[in-house]
């Protein structure tokens, strides 16, 4: 199993998909407990949701599960949200705070997984962003995520439908954030927030360097917008098709903005 799947496009937009993978090596699966083997914290169906929405887009998708190692965490292990409940480079609990390991990984094993899975994913992502910027003079990373809308361990109440992350405006040009916010605002019947509980993960923060022509924005969707939030996590076509109209609007706007920068 290759740790990353890349589909190259000729446009200026790169979709990052760090959490849709479900591959767990047999030796790692053997150390997970029953809770861990359920893989409940997958970004279920996200690759399906975004498929075919933008011609010429590049996608970089991790095939491994976040319990093996989380491709959207700092490889140093530093917390994304100090002082708040969250999960780390190799999660010790699920999003409900329940332990997922019968035999937790050692420090050496974490490093081995980082080299085998985390590093190749980011090498591919960086390579594609460099290629796109060389062609267009600018690259826009749109990092695709989803999460259950109710998780008391991580946040109070119900999560908004669209959760836009720019690390408080640091990771992209203001025009990009405004464009995405406006598109979400046009989406009747949906709620949105910018830099709320999710301000952008390590991927967005690491690659978002607007002064260098690298722009990054994270979209964390409430899974209730397109699927059932309980096993077996079915994709609900009616909900998804309605949402895809708005996601297509967002991506088309980003694509037009990026192409305009090189003219």
Protein backbone atom coordinates (compact mmCIF):
# COMPACT_ATOMS: atom_id res chain seq x y z
CA UNK A 1 0.00 0.00 0.00
CA UNK A 2 1.44 3.35 -1.07
CA UNK A 3 1.11 5.98 1.70
CA UNK A 4 -0.08 8.69 -0.66
CA UNK A 5 -2.13 8.93 -3.86
CA UNK A 6 -1.52 11.90 -6.15
CA UNK A 7 -3.68 12.96 -9.08
CA UNK A 8 -2.02 15.81 -10.96
CA UNK A 9 -4.03 18.58 -12.56
CA UNK A 10 -2.94 21.59 -14.56
CA UNK A 11 -4.72 24.21 -12.45
CA UNK A 12 -3.58 26.34 -9.49
CA UNK A 13 -5.59 24.54 -6.79
CA UNK A 14 -4.34 21.61 -4.71
CA UNK A 15 -6.73 19.63 -2.53
CA UNK A 16 -5.14 18.08 0.56
CA UNK A 17 -6.88 14.96 1.88
CA UNK A 18 -4.99 13.85 5.00
CA UNK A 19 -7.73 12.00 6.87
CA UNK A 20 -9.80 9.93 4.41
CA UNK A 21 -7.47 6.93 4.43
CA UNK A 22 -8.41 3.75 6.30
CA UNK A 23 -5.28 1.65 5.79
CA UNK A 24 -3.82 0.29 9.02
CA UNK A 25 -0.85 -2.13 8.81
CA UNK A 26 -1.52 -5.48 10.43
CA UNK A 27 1.07 -4.97 13.17
CA UNK A 28 -0.47 -1.61 14.09
CA UNK A 29 -4.03 -2.96 14.00
CA UNK A 30 -3.01 -5.73 16.40
CA UNK A 31 -2.13 -3.09 19.01
CA UNK A 32 -5.41 -1.18 18.71
CA UNK A 33 -8.25 -2.04 21.08
CA UNK A 34 -11.84 -2.55 19.93
CA UNK A 35 -12.52 1.19 20.10
CA UNK A 36 -9.47 1.94 17.99
CA UNK A 37 -10.23 -0.69 15.38
CA UNK A 38 -13.57 1.03 14.68
CA UNK A 39 -11.63 3.92 13.06
CA UNK A 40 -14.49 6.24 14.06
CA UNK A 41 -12.50 9.46 13.53
CA UNK A 42 -12.05 9.02 9.79
CA UNK A 43 -13.03 11.94 7.53
CA UNK A 44 -15.54 9.60 5.96
CA UNK A 45 -16.44 10.06 2.28
CA UNK A 46 -14.63 13.37 1.88
CA UNK A 47 -12.77 12.25 -1.25
CA UNK A 48 -16.11 11.21 -2.74
CA UNK A 49 -17.72 14.51 -1.77
CA UNK A 50 -15.10 16.61 -3.60
CA UNK A 51 -14.61 14.30 -6.56
CA UNK A 52 -15.20 15.99 -9.92
CA UNK A 53 -16.01 19.45 -8.55
CA UNK A 54 -13.18 21.33 -10.27
CA UNK A 55 -11.51 20.58 -13.58
CA UNK A 56 -7.72 20.68 -13.45
CA UNK A 57 -7.44 20.35 -9.69
CA UNK A 58 -4.58 18.38 -8.12
CA UNK A 59 -5.34 16.03 -5.23
CA UNK A 60 -2.93 14.64 -2.64
CA UNK A 61 -4.56 11.95 -0.49
CA UNK A 62 -3.14 9.99 2.43
CA UNK A 63 -4.17 6.33 2.26
CA UNK A 64 -3.25 5.54 5.88
CA UNK A 65 -5.51 6.16 8.85
CA UNK A 66 -4.86 8.98 11.29
CA UNK A 67 -4.49 6.42 14.12
CA UNK A 68 -1.36 5.11 12.37
CA UNK A 69 -0.04 8.68 12.35
CA UNK A 70 -1.86 11.93 11.77
CA UNK A 71 -0.74 13.66 8.59
CA UNK A 72 -2.22 16.94 9.83
CA UNK A 73 -0.14 17.18 13.00
CA UNK A 74 3.23 18.77 13.64
CA UNK A 75 5.88 16.04 13.19
CA UNK A 76 7.54 17.34 16.36
CA UNK A 77 4.44 16.38 18.34
CA UNK A 78 3.65 19.95 19.39
CA UNK A 79 -0.05 20.50 20.10
CA UNK A 80 -2.15 22.45 17.60
CA UNK A 81 -4.43 23.75 20.34
CA UNK A 82 -2.54 24.10 23.63
CA UNK A 83 -4.82 23.92 26.63
CA UNK A 84 -7.70 22.34 24.70
CA UNK A 85 -8.69 18.71 24.24
CA UNK A 86 -7.28 17.45 20.97
CA UNK A 87 -5.45 14.46 19.50
CA UNK A 88 -1.74 14.26 18.74
CA UNK A 89 0.69 13.04 16.12
CA UNK A 90 -0.27 9.48 17.01
CA UNK A 91 -3.57 9.76 18.87
CA UNK A 92 -3.84 8.04 22.25
CA UNK A 93 -7.62 8.52 22.39
CA UNK A 94 -10.44 8.96 19.95
CA UNK A 95 -12.42 12.20 19.64
CA UNK A 96 -14.62 11.11 22.53
CA UNK A 97 -11.64 10.81 24.85
CA UNK A 98 -11.70 7.00 24.86
CA UNK A 99 -8.41 5.09 24.76
CA UNK A 100 -7.75 3.39 21.42
CA UNK A 101 -4.65 1.28 22.14
CA UNK A 102 -4.17 -2.05 23.88
CA UNK A 103 -0.43 -1.52 23.40
CA UNK A 104 0.45 2.18 22.93
CA UNK A 105 3.28 2.84 20.45
CA UNK A 106 6.75 3.63 21.74
CA UNK A 107 8.65 6.75 20.79
CA UNK A 108 10.74 4.75 18.35
CA UNK A 109 7.64 3.34 16.71
CA UNK A 110 6.15 6.81 16.31
CA UNK A 111 9.32 7.95 14.58
CA UNK A 112 9.25 4.90 12.31
CA UNK A 113 5.66 5.70 11.32
CA UNK A 114 6.58 9.34 10.75
CA UNK A 115 9.26 8.32 8.27
CA UNK A 116 7.11 5.68 6.58
CA UNK A 117 3.82 7.59 6.29
CA UNK A 118 3.83 11.22 7.44
CA UNK A 119 7.01 12.26 5.61
CA UNK A 120 6.03 10.82 2.18
CA UNK A 121 2.63 12.48 2.34
CA UNK A 122 4.15 15.88 2.96
CA UNK A 123 6.93 15.35 0.44
CA UNK A 124 4.24 14.74 -2.17
CA UNK A 125 2.16 17.69 -1.04
CA UNK A 126 5.12 20.05 -1.10
CA UNK A 127 6.20 18.77 -4.51
CA UNK A 128 2.76 19.40 -5.99
CA UNK A 129 2.52 22.88 -4.49
CA UNK A 130 5.95 23.71 -5.91
CA UNK A 131 4.93 22.40 -9.34
CA UNK A 132 1.69 24.36 -9.34
CA UNK A 133 3.36 27.58 -8.22
CA UNK A 134 6.04 27.19 -10.89
CA UNK A 135 3.30 27.02 -13.51
CA UNK A 136 0.89 29.66 -12.19
CA UNK A 137 3.05 31.87 -10.00
CA UNK A 138 0.75 31.03 -7.10
CA UNK A 139 -0.56 27.87 -5.44
CA UNK A 140 -3.69 27.54 -3.30
CA UNK A 141 -3.91 24.61 -0.91
CA UNK A 142 -7.48 23.83 0.10
CA UNK A 143 -7.28 21.30 2.92
CA UNK A 144 -10.35 19.07 3.04
CA UNK A 145 -11.69 17.84 6.38
CA UNK A 146 -14.86 16.75 8.12
CA UNK A 147 -15.90 15.82 11.64
CA UNK A 148 -19.02 14.85 13.53
CA UNK A 149 -21.15 17.86 14.41
CA UNK A 150 -21.43 16.92 18.12
CA UNK A 151 -18.32 15.91 20.05
CA UNK A 152 -18.48 17.17 23.66
CA UNK A 153 -14.87 16.13 24.34
CA UNK A 154 -13.64 18.58 21.68
CA UNK A 155 -16.22 21.39 21.64
CA UNK A 156 -19.48 22.49 23.19
CA UNK A 157 -22.81 22.34 21.39
CA UNK A 158 -23.22 21.80 17.66
CA UNK A 159 -20.46 22.64 15.21
CA UNK A 160 -21.29 25.05 12.35
CA UNK A 161 -21.63 23.43 8.94
CA UNK A 162 -18.65 25.24 7.35
CA UNK A 163 -15.59 25.78 9.56
CA UNK A 164 -13.03 27.92 7.74
CA UNK A 165 -9.46 27.95 9.05
CA UNK A 166 -6.75 30.47 8.19
CA UNK A 167 -4.92 30.54 11.54
CA UNK A 168 -6.38 33.96 12.26
CA UNK A 169 -5.66 35.29 8.77
CA UNK A 170 -2.01 34.24 8.57
CA UNK A 171 -2.12 31.42 6.00
CA UNK A 172 -3.68 33.07 2.94
CA UNK A 173 -4.42 36.39 1.29
CA UNK A 174 -7.41 38.23 2.77
CA UNK A 175 -9.15 37.94 -0.60
CA UNK A 176 -9.14 34.16 -0.31
CA UNK A 177 -10.71 34.12 3.13
CA UNK A 178 -13.30 36.68 2.04
CA UNK A 179 -14.11 34.70 -1.09
CA UNK A 180 -14.71 31.49 0.87
CA UNK A 181 -16.68 33.29 3.58
CA UNK A 182 -18.88 34.94 0.97
CA UNK A 183 -19.54 31.65 -0.80
CA UNK A 184 -20.49 30.02 2.50
CA UNK A 185 -22.74 32.97 3.29
CA UNK A 186 -24.59 32.43 0.01
CA UNK A 187 -25.29 28.83 0.98
CA UNK A 188 -28.85 29.12 2.25
CA UNK A 189 -29.65 26.86 5.17
CA UNK A 190 -26.02 26.39 6.22
CA UNK A 191 -24.05 27.97 9.06
CA UNK A 192 -20.40 29.00 8.96
CA UNK A 193 -17.58 30.38 11.09
CA UNK A 194 -14.00 31.46 10.43
CA UNK A 195 -11.23 30.58 12.87
CA UNK A 196 -13.60 29.16 15.44
CA UNK A 197 -12.82 25.84 17.10
CA UNK A 198 -10.81 24.82 14.01
CA UNK A 199 -8.32 27.46 12.86
CA UNK A 200 -6.40 25.24 10.48
CA UNK A 201 -4.22 22.26 11.24
CA UNK A 202 -0.49 21.84 10.85
CA UNK A 203 -0.80 21.44 7.09
CA UNK A 204 -2.52 24.79 6.65
CA UNK A 205 -0.17 26.54 9.05
CA UNK A 206 2.96 24.96 7.57
CA UNK A 207 2.25 25.64 3.90
CA UNK A 208 0.37 28.91 4.22
CA UNK A 209 3.02 31.46 3.21
CA UNK A 210 1.20 34.15 1.23
CA UNK A 211 4.31 36.29 0.77
CA UNK A 212 5.87 33.37 -1.12
CA UNK A 213 2.79 32.74 -3.26
CA UNK A 214 1.66 29.74 -1.21
CA UNK A 215 -1.85 30.20 0.15
CA UNK A 216 -3.57 27.65 2.39
CA UNK A 217 -7.05 27.42 3.82
CA UNK A 218 -8.75 24.61 5.72
CA UNK A 219 -12.38 23.62 5.39
CA UNK A 220 -13.74 21.49 8.22
CA UNK A 221 -17.25 20.34 7.33
CA UNK A 222 -19.79 19.05 9.81
CA UNK A 223 -20.41 15.51 8.65
CA UNK A 224 -24.14 15.95 9.16
CA UNK A 225 -24.15 18.05 5.98
CA UNK A 226 -23.54 15.06 3.72
CA UNK A 227 -23.70 11.76 5.64
CA UNK A 228 -25.07 9.88 8.62
CA UNK A 229 -22.83 10.46 11.63
CA UNK A 230 -23.08 6.89 12.93
CA UNK A 231 -21.71 3.54 11.73
CA UNK A 232 -21.56 2.46 8.99
CA UNK A 233 -21.20 6.16 8.13
CA UNK A 234 -23.31 6.15 4.95
CA UNK A 235 -22.98 8.84 2.32
CA UNK A 236 -26.39 10.48 1.91
CA UNK A 237 -26.70 11.50 -1.73
CA UNK A 238 -29.49 14.04 -1.28
CA UNK A 239 -27.56 15.95 1.38
CA UNK A 240 -24.25 15.55 -0.41
CA UNK A 241 -25.55 16.72 -3.78
CA UNK A 242 -26.97 19.86 -2.19
CA UNK A 243 -23.68 20.56 -0.42
CA UNK A 244 -21.58 19.86 -3.53
CA UNK A 245 -23.20 22.81 -5.30
CA UNK A 246 -21.71 25.15 -2.70
CA UNK A 247 -18.35 23.41 -2.55
CA UNK A 248 -18.11 23.72 -6.32
CA UNK A 249 -18.84 27.44 -5.98
CA UNK A 250 -16.02 27.78 -3.45
CA UNK A 251 -13.47 25.92 -5.56
CA UNK A 252 -14.43 27.74 -8.76
CA UNK A 253 -13.96 31.06 -6.99
CA UNK A 254 -10.54 30.07 -5.68
CA UNK A 255 -9.50 28.83 -9.10
CA UNK A 256 -10.57 32.10 -10.77
CA UNK A 257 -8.78 34.17 -8.11
CA UNK A 258 -5.55 32.20 -8.47
CA UNK A 259 -5.55 32.37 -12.27
CA UNK A 260 -6.10 36.12 -12.10
CA UNK A 261 -2.91 36.54 -10.09
CA UNK A 262 -0.75 35.28 -12.95
CA UNK A 263 -2.26 37.48 -15.66
